[in-house]
Structures are given as structure tokens and as C-alpha cells.
Amino acid sequence: MLKVGDKAPDFLLPSDSGNEITLDTFRGNYLVLFFFPKADTPG
């Protein structure tokens, strides 16, 4: 479990352009992740 002030663990996610993105790519910069449900799904 992360606590306030902990560094986020590294991750690997697909981007909207099909490339893979890691947290390390943005190290030292501010980053906001926005997750949303697929179209026509509840949530």
C-alpha cells in the first residue's frame, strides 16, 4: 500500500497511439493519469 509521499511504482501501459509508456519516461516531471471506462460500459 502506498502512503502519502511514497514514490509511485513503475508501470507499463499502452498509449492511445499504440506505443508503450512507462512511468520512468516522465521521471522528474509532473504527471496526471486519467483512467476512464470503455464506451458503453458502466462506470
C-alpha atoms as a PDB file:
ATOM      1  CA  MET A   1       0.000   0.000   0.000  1.00  0.00           C
ATOM      2  CA  LEU A   2       1.359   3.432  -0.918  1.00  0.00           C
ATOM      3  CA  LYS A   3       1.459   6.170   1.669  1.00  0.00           C
ATOM      4  CA  VAL A   4       1.439   9.936   1.152  1.00  0.00           C
ATOM      5  CA  GLY A   5       4.910  10.927  -0.022  1.00  0.00           C
ATOM      6  CA  ASP A   6       5.811   7.482  -1.439  1.00  0.00           C
ATOM      7  CA  LYS A   7       7.110   7.348  -4.987  1.00  0.00           C
ATOM      8  CA  ALA A   8       4.768   5.686  -7.451  1.00  0.00           C
ATOM      9  CA  PRO A   9       5.862   2.238  -8.623  1.00  0.00           C
ATOM     10  CA  ASP A  10       6.945   1.936 -12.236  1.00  0.00           C
ATOM     11  CA  PHE A  11       4.328   0.711 -14.710  1.00  0.00           C
ATOM     12  CA  LEU A  12       3.914  -0.161 -18.371  1.00  0.00           C
ATOM     13  CA  LEU A  13       0.769   0.972 -20.204  1.00  0.00           C
ATOM     14  CA  PRO A  14      -0.268   1.189 -23.862  1.00  0.00           C
ATOM     15  CA  SER A  15      -0.731   4.723 -25.155  1.00  0.00           C
ATOM     16  CA  ASP A  16      -3.537   5.838 -27.446  1.00  0.00           C
ATOM     17  CA  SER A  17      -1.052   5.708 -30.335  1.00  0.00           C
ATOM     18  CA  GLY A  18      -0.159   2.069 -29.632  1.00  0.00           C
ATOM     19  CA  ASN A  19       3.261   2.741 -28.054  1.00  0.00           C
ATOM     20  CA  GLU A  20       4.189   1.545 -24.574  1.00  0.00           C
ATOM     21  CA  ILE A  21       4.568   4.179 -21.854  1.00  0.00           C
ATOM     22  CA  THR A  22       6.445   3.750 -18.572  1.00  0.00           C
ATOM     23  CA  LEU A  23       6.477   5.991 -15.546  1.00  0.00           C
ATOM     24  CA  ASP A  24      10.246   6.260 -15.889  1.00  0.00           C
ATOM     25  CA  THR A  25       9.678   8.174 -19.160  1.00  0.00           C
ATOM     26  CA  PHE A  26       8.204  11.029 -17.098  1.00  0.00           C
ATOM     27  CA  ARG A  27      10.558  10.832 -14.081  1.00  0.00           C
ATOM     28  CA  GLY A  28      11.259  14.352 -12.763  1.00  0.00           C
ATOM     29  CA  ASN A  29       8.098  15.819 -14.328  1.00  0.00           C
ATOM     30  CA  TYR A  30       4.559  16.234 -13.087  1.00  0.00           C
ATOM     31  CA  LEU A  31       2.205  13.605 -14.435  1.00  0.00           C
ATOM     32  CA  VAL A  32      -1.556  13.150 -14.222  1.00  0.00           C
ATOM     33  CA  LEU A  33      -3.055   9.784 -15.150  1.00  0.00           C
ATOM     34  CA  PHE A  34      -6.688   9.744 -16.174  1.00  0.00           C
ATOM     35  CA  PHE A  35      -8.452   6.397 -16.445  1.00  0.00           C
ATOM     36  CA  PHE A  36     -11.881   6.105 -17.989  1.00  0.00           C
ATOM     37  CA  PRO A  37     -14.174   3.211 -18.903  1.00  0.00           C
ATOM     38  CA  LYS A  38     -14.559   1.963 -22.448  1.00  0.00           C
ATOM     39  CA  ALA A  39     -17.538   3.322 -24.379  1.00  0.00           C
ATOM     40  CA  ASP A  40     -20.902   1.824 -23.472  1.00  0.00           C
ATOM     41  CA  THR A  41     -19.673   0.312 -20.200  1.00  0.00           C
ATOM     42  CA  PRO A  42     -20.956   1.235 -16.738  1.00  0.00           C
ATOM     43  CA  GLY A  43     -18.725   3.323 -14.537  1.00  0.00           C
END
